[in-house]
């Protein structure tokens, strides 16, 4: 591998892959670094997305569609259900396959990808970001670049190291926990949302069906509520009441920002995209499509900046993202 790239993208989620692809499409050299062994794993996501949000970036493929959604079921605290039919409006993804395909689309445009590359620092020249430090196969390495795109998730360290204010108050975070369970007999074309202080105070509970009678079942509650009683408590209570014998296949937990995009997401030599920039729908907590939009803009502007030889052009990112 060469020791310098035009663009280095940190993180191979949807935002990172789109940033890498849209930069590489312009003929600049791009490297995407992913800390985990596999792109798309582990999955920390409800995996729901609108049809429009997908079609803008990738051709539909049945292999990463776990179910097709045409209805919403909204369930009130007293159990009253309101069923809303949309027609085919969205999907539950298989994120492991979906993210893998997004990364392949970046690679097909010329981006290089390196997994198990743990970024642990930045290179600075005259206080301008000029590359990254990372560990790979037990060795500490350095790579220079003209632009670094931080797409390293809600816990983003890249921005913090560069001096960007990435802190989000716990009151603006949702405490989320989710299991994927089998033997869940619900309508595979319906997203189920439960509301009320006894199921998800300050948030909502979801049952998102997947293929083979499995489903993603989880909730997000406000940070303030999470201090009183954990999200896991509400999840366990729901499962005991509604699906007591359902085998649990996976379980995940994490924080989701429910706030506006960070005030500053670009500085000389760096931009942030996706969850790292808080490009999340603050109402639903969804971040796949908004992350892909943010990543595509970041990649396009990074490529333009390099081709025009105008480093300050990346600072226009905040105005259009």
C-alpha atoms as a PDB file:
ATOM      1  CA  UNK A   1       0.000   0.000   0.000  1.00  0.00           C
ATOM      2  CA  UNK A   2       1.229   3.477  -0.796  1.00  0.00           C
ATOM      3  CA  UNK A   3       1.875   5.904   2.060  1.00  0.00           C
ATOM      4  CA  UNK A   4      -0.333   8.788   0.867  1.00  0.00           C
ATOM      5  CA  UNK A   5      -3.894   9.145  -0.438  1.00  0.00           C
ATOM      6  CA  UNK A   6      -5.962  12.086  -1.518  1.00  0.00           C
ATOM      7  CA  UNK A   7      -8.812  11.049   0.813  1.00  0.00           C
ATOM      8  CA  UNK A   8      -8.861   8.749   3.814  1.00  0.00           C
ATOM      9  CA  UNK A   9     -12.284   7.706   5.113  1.00  0.00           C
ATOM     10  CA  UNK A  10     -12.466   6.371   8.669  1.00  0.00           C
ATOM     11  CA  UNK A  11     -15.390   3.967   9.096  1.00  0.00           C
ATOM     12  CA  UNK A  12     -17.068   1.685   6.540  1.00  0.00           C
ATOM     13  CA  UNK A  13     -20.719   2.137   7.485  1.00  0.00           C
ATOM     14  CA  UNK A  14     -23.232   3.605   5.021  1.00  0.00           C
ATOM     15  CA  UNK A  15     -21.897   7.153   5.457  1.00  0.00           C
ATOM     16  CA  UNK A  16     -18.279   6.080   5.051  1.00  0.00           C
ATOM     17  CA  UNK A  17     -18.900   3.913   2.027  1.00  0.00           C
ATOM     18  CA  UNK A  18     -20.828   6.662   0.267  1.00  0.00           C
ATOM     19  CA  UNK A  19     -18.106   9.182   1.091  1.00  0.00           C
ATOM     20  CA  UNK A  20     -15.480   6.830  -0.344  1.00  0.00           C
ATOM     21  CA  UNK A  21     -17.533   6.106  -3.443  1.00  0.00           C
ATOM     22  CA  UNK A  22     -18.458   9.686  -4.296  1.00  0.00           C
ATOM     23  CA  UNK A  23     -14.869  10.829  -3.820  1.00  0.00           C
ATOM     24  CA  UNK A  24     -13.447   7.938  -5.871  1.00  0.00           C
ATOM     25  CA  UNK A  25     -15.917   8.596  -8.685  1.00  0.00           C
ATOM     26  CA  UNK A  26     -14.046  11.826  -9.340  1.00  0.00           C
ATOM     27  CA  UNK A  27     -10.768  10.059  -9.941  1.00  0.00           C
ATOM     28  CA  UNK A  28      -8.994  10.907  -6.684  1.00  0.00           C
ATOM     29  CA  UNK A  29      -7.227   8.243  -4.624  1.00  0.00           C
ATOM     30  CA  UNK A  30      -9.306   6.991  -1.700  1.00  0.00           C
ATOM     31  CA  UNK A  31      -8.664   4.615   1.185  1.00  0.00           C
ATOM     32  CA  UNK A  32     -11.399   3.535   3.600  1.00  0.00           C
ATOM     33  CA  UNK A  33     -10.278   2.157   6.966  1.00  0.00           C
ATOM     34  CA  UNK A  34     -12.553  -0.066   9.071  1.00  0.00           C
ATOM     35  CA  UNK A  35     -11.648  -1.171  12.599  1.00  0.00           C
ATOM     36  CA  UNK A  36     -13.691  -4.379  12.559  1.00  0.00           C
ATOM     37  CA  UNK A  37     -12.867  -7.582  10.745  1.00  0.00           C
ATOM     38  CA  UNK A  38     -15.874  -7.406   8.438  1.00  0.00           C
ATOM     39  CA  UNK A  39     -17.699  -4.508   6.838  1.00  0.00           C
ATOM     40  CA  UNK A  40     -21.273  -4.448   8.136  1.00  0.00           C
ATOM     41  CA  UNK A  41     -20.655  -6.229  11.414  1.00  0.00           C
ATOM     42  CA  UNK A  42     -21.574  -5.889  14.235  1.00  0.00           C
ATOM     43  CA  UNK A  43     -25.060  -4.528  13.444  1.00  0.00           C
ATOM     44  CA  UNK A  44     -26.381  -1.900  15.847  1.00  0.00           C
ATOM     45  CA  UNK A  45     -29.505  -0.803  14.017  1.00  0.00           C
ATOM     46  CA  UNK A  46     -33.229  -1.439  13.693  1.00  0.00           C
ATOM     47  CA  UNK A  47     -32.478  -1.825   9.946  1.00  0.00           C
ATOM     48  CA  UNK A  48     -35.588   0.020   8.700  1.00  0.00           C
ATOM     49  CA  UNK A  49     -35.313   2.415   5.771  1.00  0.00           C
ATOM     50  CA  UNK A  50     -37.620   4.054   3.273  1.00  0.00           C
ATOM     51  CA  UNK A  51     -37.698   2.834  -0.314  1.00  0.00           C
ATOM     52  CA  UNK A  52     -36.731   6.299  -1.540  1.00  0.00           C
ATOM     53  CA  UNK A  53     -33.781   6.415   0.847  1.00  0.00           C
ATOM     54  CA  UNK A  54     -32.343   3.241  -0.704  1.00  0.00           C
ATOM     55  CA  UNK A  55     -33.040   3.808  -4.378  1.00  0.00           C
ATOM     56  CA  UNK A  56     -31.094   7.056  -4.446  1.00  0.00           C
ATOM     57  CA  UNK A  57     -27.848   5.189  -3.830  1.00  0.00           C
ATOM     58  CA  UNK A  58     -28.047   1.525  -4.778  1.00  0.00           C
ATOM     59  CA  UNK A  59     -30.062  -0.710  -7.072  1.00  0.00           C
ATOM     60  CA  UNK A  60     -32.529  -2.858  -5.177  1.00  0.00           C
ATOM     61  CA  UNK A  61     -31.414  -6.427  -4.548  1.00  0.00           C
ATOM     62  CA  UNK A  62     -33.492  -9.086  -2.805  1.00  0.00           C
ATOM     63  CA  UNK A  63     -30.426 -10.506  -1.073  1.00  0.00           C
ATOM     64  CA  UNK A  64     -30.235  -7.581   1.380  1.00  0.00           C
ATOM     65  CA  UNK A  65     -33.990  -7.043   1.807  1.00  0.00           C
ATOM     66  CA  UNK A  66     -35.228  -8.932   4.878  1.00  0.00           C
ATOM     67  CA  UNK A  67     -38.822  -7.769   4.431  1.00  0.00           C
ATOM     68  CA  UNK A  68     -40.850  -5.253   2.456  1.00  0.00           C
ATOM     69  CA  UNK A  69     -42.896  -2.798   4.483  1.00  0.00           C
ATOM     70  CA  UNK A  70     -46.265  -1.422   3.453  1.00  0.00           C
ATOM     71  CA  UNK A  71     -47.960  -0.660   6.793  1.00  0.00           C
ATOM     72  CA  UNK A  72     -47.348   1.022  10.139  1.00  0.00           C
ATOM     73  CA  UNK A  73     -49.079  -0.183  13.287  1.00  0.00           C
ATOM     74  CA  UNK A  74     -49.185   2.496  15.997  1.00  0.00           C
ATOM     75  CA  UNK A  75     -50.143   1.065  19.389  1.00  0.00           C
ATOM     76  CA  UNK A  76     -51.202   3.409  22.180  1.00  0.00           C
ATOM     77  CA  UNK A  77     -50.661   2.866  25.925  1.00  0.00           C
ATOM     78  CA  UNK A  78     -54.126   1.310  26.322  1.00  0.00           C
ATOM     79  CA  UNK A  79     -53.490  -1.159  23.497  1.00  0.00           C
ATOM     80  CA  UNK A  80     -55.524   0.644  20.829  1.00  0.00           C
ATOM     81  CA  UNK A  81     -54.018   0.023  17.389  1.00  0.00           C
ATOM     82  CA  UNK A  82     -54.047   2.399  14.444  1.00  0.00           C
ATOM     83  CA  UNK A  83     -53.039   0.739  11.190  1.00  0.00           C
ATOM     84  CA  UNK A  84     -51.760   2.969   8.390  1.00  0.00           C
ATOM     85  CA  UNK A  85     -51.263   1.526   4.908  1.00  0.00           C
ATOM     86  CA  UNK A  86     -48.742   3.145   2.560  1.00  0.00           C
ATOM     87  CA  UNK A  87     -48.229   0.614  -0.188  1.00  0.00           C
ATOM     88  CA  UNK A  88     -44.641  -0.570  -0.616  1.00  0.00           C
ATOM     89  CA  UNK A  89     -42.848   2.261   1.135  1.00  0.00           C
ATOM     90  CA  UNK A  90     -39.808   0.747   2.775  1.00  0.00           C
ATOM     91  CA  UNK A  91     -37.685  -2.197   3.794  1.00  0.00           C
ATOM     92  CA  UNK A  92     -36.104  -3.995   6.692  1.00  0.00           C
ATOM     93  CA  UNK A  93     -32.541  -4.547   5.608  1.00  0.00           C
ATOM     94  CA  UNK A  94     -30.036  -7.250   6.278  1.00  0.00           C
ATOM     95  CA  UNK A  95     -27.404  -4.699   7.235  1.00  0.00           C
ATOM     96  CA  UNK A  96     -24.497  -7.134   7.086  1.00  0.00           C
ATOM     97  CA  UNK A  97     -25.156  -7.736   3.402  1.00  0.00           C
ATOM     98  CA  UNK A  98     -26.352  -4.193   2.656  1.00  0.00           C
ATOM     99  CA  UNK A  99     -23.273  -2.505   4.147  1.00  0.00           C
ATOM    100  CA  UNK A 100     -21.046  -5.003   2.349  1.00  0.00           C
ATOM    101  CA  UNK A 101     -22.650  -4.088  -0.975  1.00  0.00           C
ATOM    102  CA  UNK A 102     -22.274  -0.364  -0.293  1.00  0.00           C
ATOM    103  CA  UNK A 103     -18.578  -0.888   0.381  1.00  0.00           C
ATOM    104  CA  UNK A 104     -18.277  -2.919  -2.834  1.00  0.00           C
ATOM    105  CA  UNK A 105     -19.822  -0.011  -4.744  1.00  0.00           C
ATOM    106  CA  UNK A 106     -17.057   2.223  -3.372  1.00  0.00           C
ATOM    107  CA  UNK A 107     -14.417  -0.343  -4.310  1.00  0.00           C
ATOM    108  CA  UNK A 108     -15.869  -0.645  -7.822  1.00  0.00           C
ATOM    109  CA  UNK A 109     -15.309   3.102  -8.203  1.00  0.00           C
ATOM    110  CA  UNK A 110     -11.643   2.740  -7.258  1.00  0.00           C
ATOM    111  CA  UNK A 111     -11.578   3.116  -3.469  1.00  0.00           C
ATOM    112  CA  UNK A 112      -9.240   0.847  -1.530  1.00  0.00           C
ATOM    113  CA  UNK A 113     -10.533  -0.750   1.688  1.00  0.00           C
ATOM    114  CA  UNK A 114      -8.593  -2.019   4.674  1.00  0.00           C
ATOM    115  CA  UNK A 115     -10.337  -3.818   7.551  1.00  0.00           C
ATOM    116  CA  UNK A 116      -8.939  -4.475  11.033  1.00  0.00           C
ATOM    117  CA  UNK A 117      -7.311  -1.062  10.780  1.00  0.00           C
ATOM    118  CA  UNK A 118      -7.787   0.684  14.132  1.00  0.00           C
ATOM    119  CA  UNK A 119      -7.352   4.435  13.759  1.00  0.00           C
ATOM    120  CA  UNK A 120      -5.894   5.828  16.984  1.00  0.00           C
ATOM    121  CA  UNK A 121      -4.680   9.288  16.085  1.00  0.00           C
ATOM    122  CA  UNK A 122      -4.351  12.065  13.535  1.00  0.00           C
ATOM    123  CA  UNK A 123      -1.402  13.526  11.686  1.00  0.00           C
ATOM    124  CA  UNK A 124      -1.234  17.322  11.876  1.00  0.00           C
ATOM    125  CA  UNK A 125       0.830  19.758   9.849  1.00  0.00           C
ATOM    126  CA  UNK A 126       0.672  23.386  10.976  1.00  0.00           C
ATOM    127  CA  UNK A 127      -2.474  22.481  12.957  1.00  0.00           C
ATOM    128  CA  UNK A 128      -4.167  21.151   9.805  1.00  0.00           C
ATOM    129  CA  UNK A 129      -5.296  17.514   9.601  1.00  0.00           C
ATOM    130  CA  UNK A 130      -2.920  15.735   7.239  1.00  0.00           C
ATOM    131  CA  UNK A 131      -3.576  12.031   7.722  1.00  0.00           C
ATOM    132  CA  UNK A 132      -4.121   9.318  10.312  1.00  0.00           C
ATOM    133  CA  UNK A 133      -2.279   7.031  12.675  1.00  0.00           C
ATOM    134  CA  UNK A 134      -3.557   3.477  12.915  1.00  0.00           C
ATOM    135  CA  UNK A 135      -2.748   0.006  14.156  1.00  0.00           C
ATOM    136  CA  UNK A 136      -2.777  -2.886  11.738  1.00  0.00           C
ATOM    137  CA  UNK A 137      -1.728  -6.467  12.462  1.00  0.00           C
ATOM    138  CA  UNK A 138      -0.036  -5.389  15.665  1.00  0.00           C
ATOM    139  CA  UNK A 139       2.020  -2.637  14.047  1.00  0.00           C
ATOM    140  CA  UNK A 140       1.605   1.104  14.414  1.00  0.00           C
ATOM    141  CA  UNK A 141       1.425   2.868  11.044  1.00  0.00           C
ATOM    142  CA  UNK A 142       0.856   6.323   9.558  1.00  0.00           C
ATOM    143  CA  UNK A 143      -0.797   7.453   6.349  1.00  0.00           C
ATOM    144  CA  UNK A 144      -0.857  10.949   4.923  1.00  0.00           C
ATOM    145  CA  UNK A 145      -3.817  12.413   3.064  1.00  0.00           C
ATOM    146  CA  UNK A 146      -5.095  15.734   1.807  1.00  0.00           C
ATOM    147  CA  UNK A 147      -8.500  15.186   3.427  1.00  0.00           C
ATOM    148  CA  UNK A 148      -9.774  12.897   6.187  1.00  0.00           C
ATOM    149  CA  UNK A 149     -13.476  12.059   6.356  1.00  0.00           C
ATOM    150  CA  UNK A 150     -14.578  10.933   9.797  1.00  0.00           C
ATOM    151  CA  UNK A 151     -17.473   8.468   9.518  1.00  0.00           C
ATOM    152  CA  UNK A 152     -16.667   6.587  12.704  1.00  0.00           C
ATOM    153  CA  UNK A 153     -20.102   6.613  14.315  1.00  0.00           C
ATOM    154  CA  UNK A 154     -21.782   8.290  17.233  1.00  0.00           C
ATOM    155  CA  UNK A 155     -18.749   7.703  19.476  1.00  0.00           C
ATOM    156  CA  UNK A 156     -16.554   9.501  16.902  1.00  0.00           C
ATOM    157  CA  UNK A 157     -13.089  10.231  18.207  1.00  0.00           C
ATOM    158  CA  UNK A 158     -11.795  11.599  14.914  1.00  0.00           C
ATOM    159  CA  UNK A 159     -13.632  14.889  15.264  1.00  0.00           C
ATOM    160  CA  UNK A 160     -12.714  15.276  18.914  1.00  0.00           C
ATOM    161  CA  UNK A 161      -9.027  14.748  18.192  1.00  0.00           C
ATOM    162  CA  UNK A 162      -9.217  17.474  15.555  1.00  0.00           C
ATOM    163  CA  UNK A 163     -10.760  19.936  18.009  1.00  0.00           C
ATOM    164  CA  UNK A 164     -14.366  19.754  16.840  1.00  0.00           C
ATOM    165  CA  UNK A 165     -17.031  19.921  19.530  1.00  0.00           C
ATOM    166  CA  UNK A 166     -18.635  16.491  19.201  1.00  0.00           C
ATOM    167  CA  UNK A 167     -20.004  16.145  22.739  1.00  0.00           C
ATOM    168  CA  UNK A 168     -23.746  15.481  23.018  1.00  0.00           C
ATOM    169  CA  UNK A 169     -25.488  15.955  26.354  1.00  0.00           C
ATOM    170  CA  UNK A 170     -27.072  12.754  27.676  1.00  0.00           C
ATOM    171  CA  UNK A 171     -30.422  14.540  27.672  1.00  0.00           C
ATOM    172  CA  UNK A 172     -30.129  14.673  23.870  1.00  0.00           C
ATOM    173  CA  UNK A 173     -29.309  10.985  23.563  1.00  0.00           C
ATOM    174  CA  UNK A 174     -31.623   8.011  23.384  1.00  0.00           C
ATOM    175  CA  UNK A 175     -30.611   4.920  25.364  1.00  0.00           C
ATOM    176  CA  UNK A 176     -31.338   2.028  23.014  1.00  0.00           C
ATOM    177  CA  UNK A 177     -31.348  -1.740  23.332  1.00  0.00           C
ATOM    178  CA  UNK A 178     -32.495  -4.351  20.838  1.00  0.00           C
ATOM    179  CA  UNK A 179     -32.685  -8.086  20.350  1.00  0.00           C
ATOM    180  CA  UNK A 180     -33.213 -10.080  17.197  1.00  0.00           C
ATOM    181  CA  UNK A 181     -35.532 -12.933  18.110  1.00  0.00           C
ATOM    182  CA  UNK A 182     -37.063 -15.847  16.235  1.00  0.00           C
ATOM    183  CA  UNK A 183     -40.530 -17.412  16.404  1.00  0.00           C
ATOM    184  CA  UNK A 184     -42.104 -13.926  16.223  1.00  0.00           C
ATOM    185  CA  UNK A 185     -45.419 -14.325  14.417  1.00  0.00           C
ATOM    186  CA  UNK A 186     -46.390 -10.860  13.232  1.00  0.00           C
ATOM    187  CA  UNK A 187     -47.298  -9.437   9.834  1.00  0.00           C
ATOM    188  CA  UNK A 188     -44.039  -9.354   7.892  1.00  0.00           C
ATOM    189  CA  UNK A 189     -45.163  -6.253   5.967  1.00  0.00           C
ATOM    190  CA  UNK A 190     -45.872  -4.110   9.039  1.00  0.00           C
ATOM    191  CA  UNK A 191     -43.683  -2.006  11.313  1.00  0.00           C
ATOM    192  CA  UNK A 192     -45.026  -2.013  14.872  1.00  0.00           C
ATOM    193  CA  UNK A 193     -44.550   1.010  17.143  1.00  0.00           C
ATOM    194  CA  UNK A 194     -45.562   1.011  20.816  1.00  0.00           C
ATOM    195  CA  UNK A 195     -45.882   4.189  22.866  1.00  0.00           C
ATOM    196  CA  UNK A 196     -46.359   5.043  26.525  1.00  0.00           C
ATOM    197  CA  UNK A 197     -44.473   5.572  29.754  1.00  0.00           C
ATOM    198  CA  UNK A 198     -44.779   1.905  30.683  1.00  0.00           C
ATOM    199  CA  UNK A 199     -43.134   0.615  27.496  1.00  0.00           C
ATOM    200  CA  UNK A 200     -40.727   3.361  26.364  1.00  0.00           C
ATOM    201  CA  UNK A 201     -40.836   6.625  28.353  1.00  0.00           C
ATOM    202  CA  UNK A 202     -39.557   9.541  26.315  1.00  0.00           C
ATOM    203  CA  UNK A 203     -39.229   7.383  23.204  1.00  0.00           C
ATOM    204  CA  UNK A 204     -40.870   4.429  21.492  1.00  0.00           C
ATOM    205  CA  UNK A 205     -40.746   0.649  21.285  1.00  0.00           C
ATOM    206  CA  UNK A 206     -40.495  -1.203  17.974  1.00  0.00           C
ATOM    207  CA  UNK A 207     -41.045  -4.626  16.470  1.00  0.00           C
ATOM    208  CA  UNK A 208     -39.564  -4.750  12.972  1.00  0.00           C
ATOM    209  CA  UNK A 209     -40.236  -8.095  11.235  1.00  0.00           C
ATOM    210  CA  UNK A 210     -37.606  -9.915   9.232  1.00  0.00           C
ATOM    211  CA  UNK A 211     -37.719 -13.113   7.206  1.00  0.00           C
ATOM    212  CA  UNK A 212     -38.370 -16.521   8.722  1.00  0.00           C
ATOM    213  CA  UNK A 213     -40.526 -15.344  11.631  1.00  0.00           C
ATOM    214  CA  UNK A 214     -37.685 -13.328  13.132  1.00  0.00           C
ATOM    215  CA  UNK A 215     -37.801  -9.669  14.133  1.00  0.00           C
ATOM    216  CA  UNK A 216     -35.755  -6.822  15.531  1.00  0.00           C
ATOM    217  CA  UNK A 217     -37.372  -5.908  18.855  1.00  0.00           C
ATOM    218  CA  UNK A 218     -36.137  -2.923  20.806  1.00  0.00           C
ATOM    219  CA  UNK A 219     -36.666   0.535  22.170  1.00  0.00           C
ATOM    220  CA  UNK A 220     -35.122   3.890  22.737  1.00  0.00           C
ATOM    221  CA  UNK A 221     -35.783   6.009  25.814  1.00  0.00           C
ATOM    222  CA  UNK A 222     -34.555   9.474  26.697  1.00  0.00           C
ATOM    223  CA  UNK A 223     -31.300   9.847  28.578  1.00  0.00           C
ATOM    224  CA  UNK A 224     -33.167  11.336  31.528  1.00  0.00           C
ATOM    225  CA  UNK A 225     -35.464   8.313  31.725  1.00  0.00           C
ATOM    226  CA  UNK A 226     -32.522   5.981  31.330  1.00  0.00           C
ATOM    227  CA  UNK A 227     -31.069   7.328  34.566  1.00  0.00           C
ATOM    228  CA  UNK A 228     -34.192   6.199  36.409  1.00  0.00           C
ATOM    229  CA  UNK A 229     -34.686   2.777  34.855  1.00  0.00           C
ATOM    230  CA  UNK A 230     -32.683   1.121  32.105  1.00  0.00           C
ATOM    231  CA  UNK A 231     -33.880   0.458  28.577  1.00  0.00           C
ATOM    232  CA  UNK A 232     -33.044  -3.201  29.186  1.00  0.00           C
ATOM    233  CA  UNK A 233     -35.635  -3.322  31.964  1.00  0.00           C
ATOM    234  CA  UNK A 234     -38.370  -2.223  29.551  1.00  0.00           C
ATOM    235  CA  UNK A 235     -37.174  -4.639  26.868  1.00  0.00           C
ATOM    236  CA  UNK A 236     -37.200  -7.589  29.259  1.00  0.00           C
ATOM    237  CA  UNK A 237     -40.661  -6.642  30.534  1.00  0.00           C
ATOM    238  CA  UNK A 238     -42.022  -6.452  26.984  1.00  0.00           C
ATOM    239  CA  UNK A 239     -40.490  -9.770  25.961  1.00  0.00           C
ATOM    240  CA  UNK A 240     -41.803 -11.560  29.058  1.00  0.00           C
ATOM    241  CA  UNK A 241     -45.300 -10.254  28.372  1.00  0.00           C
ATOM    242  CA  UNK A 242     -45.479 -10.627  24.594  1.00  0.00           C
ATOM    243  CA  UNK A 243     -42.868 -13.162  23.449  1.00  0.00           C
ATOM    244  CA  UNK A 244     -41.871 -15.179  26.532  1.00  0.00           C
ATOM    245  CA  UNK A 245     -40.614 -18.206  24.605  1.00  0.00           C
ATOM    246  CA  UNK A 246     -38.905 -16.425  21.721  1.00  0.00           C
ATOM    247  CA  UNK A 247     -35.274 -17.539  21.228  1.00  0.00           C
ATOM    248  CA  UNK A 248     -32.880 -14.577  21.248  1.00  0.00           C
ATOM    249  CA  UNK A 249     -30.413 -14.616  18.346  1.00  0.00           C
ATOM    250  CA  UNK A 250     -28.521 -11.381  18.971  1.00  0.00           C
ATOM    251  CA  UNK A 251     -28.603  -8.449  21.367  1.00  0.00           C
ATOM    252  CA  UNK A 252     -27.133  -4.966  21.014  1.00  0.00           C
ATOM    253  CA  UNK A 253     -27.199  -1.689  22.922  1.00  0.00           C
ATOM    254  CA  UNK A 254     -25.999   1.846  22.320  1.00  0.00           C
ATOM    255  CA  UNK A 255     -26.787   5.523  22.213  1.00  0.00           C
ATOM    256  CA  UNK A 256     -28.590   7.354  19.423  1.00  0.00           C
ATOM    257  CA  UNK A 257     -28.410  11.160  19.209  1.00  0.00           C
ATOM    258  CA  UNK A 258     -31.771  12.906  19.052  1.00  0.00           C
ATOM    259  CA  UNK A 259     -30.443  16.336  18.299  1.00  0.00           C
ATOM    260  CA  UNK A 260     -29.618  18.528  15.338  1.00  0.00           C
ATOM    261  CA  UNK A 261     -26.455  18.167  13.268  1.00  0.00           C
ATOM    262  CA  UNK A 262     -23.325  19.407  15.007  1.00  0.00           C
ATOM    263  CA  UNK A 263     -22.721  23.128  14.671  1.00  0.00           C
ATOM    264  CA  UNK A 264     -19.366  22.539  13.018  1.00  0.00           C
ATOM    265  CA  UNK A 265     -18.620  19.471  10.906  1.00  0.00           C
ATOM    266  CA  UNK A 266     -15.714  20.696   8.760  1.00  0.00           C
ATOM    267  CA  UNK A 267     -12.301  22.140   9.434  1.00  0.00           C
ATOM    268  CA  UNK A 268      -9.208  22.426   7.225  1.00  0.00           C
ATOM    269  CA  UNK A 269      -8.292  18.893   6.207  1.00  0.00           C
ATOM    270  CA  UNK A 270     -11.330  17.140   7.672  1.00  0.00           C
ATOM    271  CA  UNK A 271     -15.095  16.700   7.489  1.00  0.00           C
ATOM    272  CA  UNK A 272     -17.468  14.496   9.498  1.00  0.00           C
ATOM    273  CA  UNK A 273     -20.352  12.469   8.085  1.00  0.00           C
ATOM    274  CA  UNK A 274     -23.163  10.259   9.330  1.00  0.00           C
ATOM    275  CA  UNK A 275     -23.612   9.619  13.036  1.00  0.00           C
ATOM    276  CA  UNK A 276     -20.233  11.255  13.689  1.00  0.00           C
ATOM    277  CA  UNK A 277     -21.761  14.539  12.494  1.00  0.00           C
ATOM    278  CA  UNK A 278     -25.116  13.748  14.169  1.00  0.00           C
ATOM    279  CA  UNK A 279     -26.766  13.468  10.756  1.00  0.00           C
ATOM    280  CA  UNK A 280     -29.662  11.548  12.274  1.00  0.00           C
ATOM    281  CA  UNK A 281     -33.421  12.076  12.070  1.00  0.00           C
ATOM    282  CA  UNK A 282     -33.971  13.543  15.560  1.00  0.00           C
ATOM    283  CA  UNK A 283     -37.591  12.363  15.656  1.00  0.00           C
ATOM    284  CA  UNK A 284     -37.206   8.705  14.688  1.00  0.00           C
ATOM    285  CA  UNK A 285     -33.517   8.170  15.436  1.00  0.00           C
ATOM    286  CA  UNK A 286     -33.058   6.743  11.939  1.00  0.00           C
ATOM    287  CA  UNK A 287     -29.668   7.398  10.408  1.00  0.00           C
ATOM    288  CA  UNK A 288     -29.081   5.105   7.424  1.00  0.00           C
ATOM    289  CA  UNK A 289     -30.434   7.272   4.616  1.00  0.00           C
ATOM    290  CA  UNK A 290     -29.376  10.577   6.200  1.00  0.00           C
ATOM    291  CA  UNK A 291     -25.913   9.133   6.738  1.00  0.00           C
ATOM    292  CA  UNK A 292     -25.674   8.106   3.095  1.00  0.00           C
ATOM    293  CA  UNK A 293     -26.757  11.586   2.031  1.00  0.00           C
ATOM    294  CA  UNK A 294     -24.200  13.233   4.307  1.00  0.00           C
ATOM    295  CA  UNK A 295     -21.474  10.832   3.227  1.00  0.00           C
ATOM    296  CA  UNK A 296     -22.175  11.366  -0.463  1.00  0.00           C
ATOM    297  CA  UNK A 297     -21.963  15.138  -0.052  1.00  0.00           C
ATOM    298  CA  UNK A 298     -18.760  14.853   1.989  1.00  0.00           C
ATOM    299  CA  UNK A 299     -17.151  12.614  -0.619  1.00  0.00           C
ATOM    300  CA  UNK A 300     -18.218  14.780  -3.532  1.00  0.00           C
ATOM    301  CA  UNK A 301     -16.934  17.990  -1.949  1.00  0.00           C
ATOM    302  CA  UNK A 302     -13.679  16.317  -0.898  1.00  0.00           C
ATOM    303  CA  UNK A 303     -13.120  15.162  -4.463  1.00  0.00           C
ATOM    304  CA  UNK A 304     -13.920  18.596  -5.835  1.00  0.00           C
ATOM    305  CA  UNK A 305     -11.554  20.240  -3.373  1.00  0.00           C
ATOM    306  CA  UNK A 306      -8.672  18.056  -4.501  1.00  0.00           C
ATOM    307  CA  UNK A 307      -9.382  18.346  -8.214  1.00  0.00           C
ATOM    308  CA  UNK A 308      -9.664  22.138  -7.980  1.00  0.00           C
ATOM    309  CA  UNK A 309      -6.645  22.321  -5.661  1.00  0.00           C
ATOM    310  CA  UNK A 310      -8.709  24.449  -3.286  1.00  0.00           C
ATOM    311  CA  UNK A 311      -8.324  23.049   0.257  1.00  0.00           C
ATOM    312  CA  UNK A 312     -10.833  25.516   1.696  1.00  0.00           C
ATOM    313  CA  UNK A 313     -13.569  24.197  -0.588  1.00  0.00           C
ATOM    314  CA  UNK A 314     -14.354  21.462   1.945  1.00  0.00           C
ATOM    315  CA  UNK A 315     -15.553  24.172   4.320  1.00  0.00           C
ATOM    316  CA  UNK A 316     -18.575  24.623   2.065  1.00  0.00           C
ATOM    317  CA  UNK A 317     -19.740  21.187   3.237  1.00  0.00           C
ATOM    318  CA  UNK A 318     -21.629  22.647   6.198  1.00  0.00           C
ATOM    319  CA  UNK A 319     -23.723  24.847   3.916  1.00  0.00           C
ATOM    320  CA  UNK A 320     -25.032  22.036   1.740  1.00  0.00           C
ATOM    321  CA  UNK A 321     -25.198  19.046   4.100  1.00  0.00           C
END
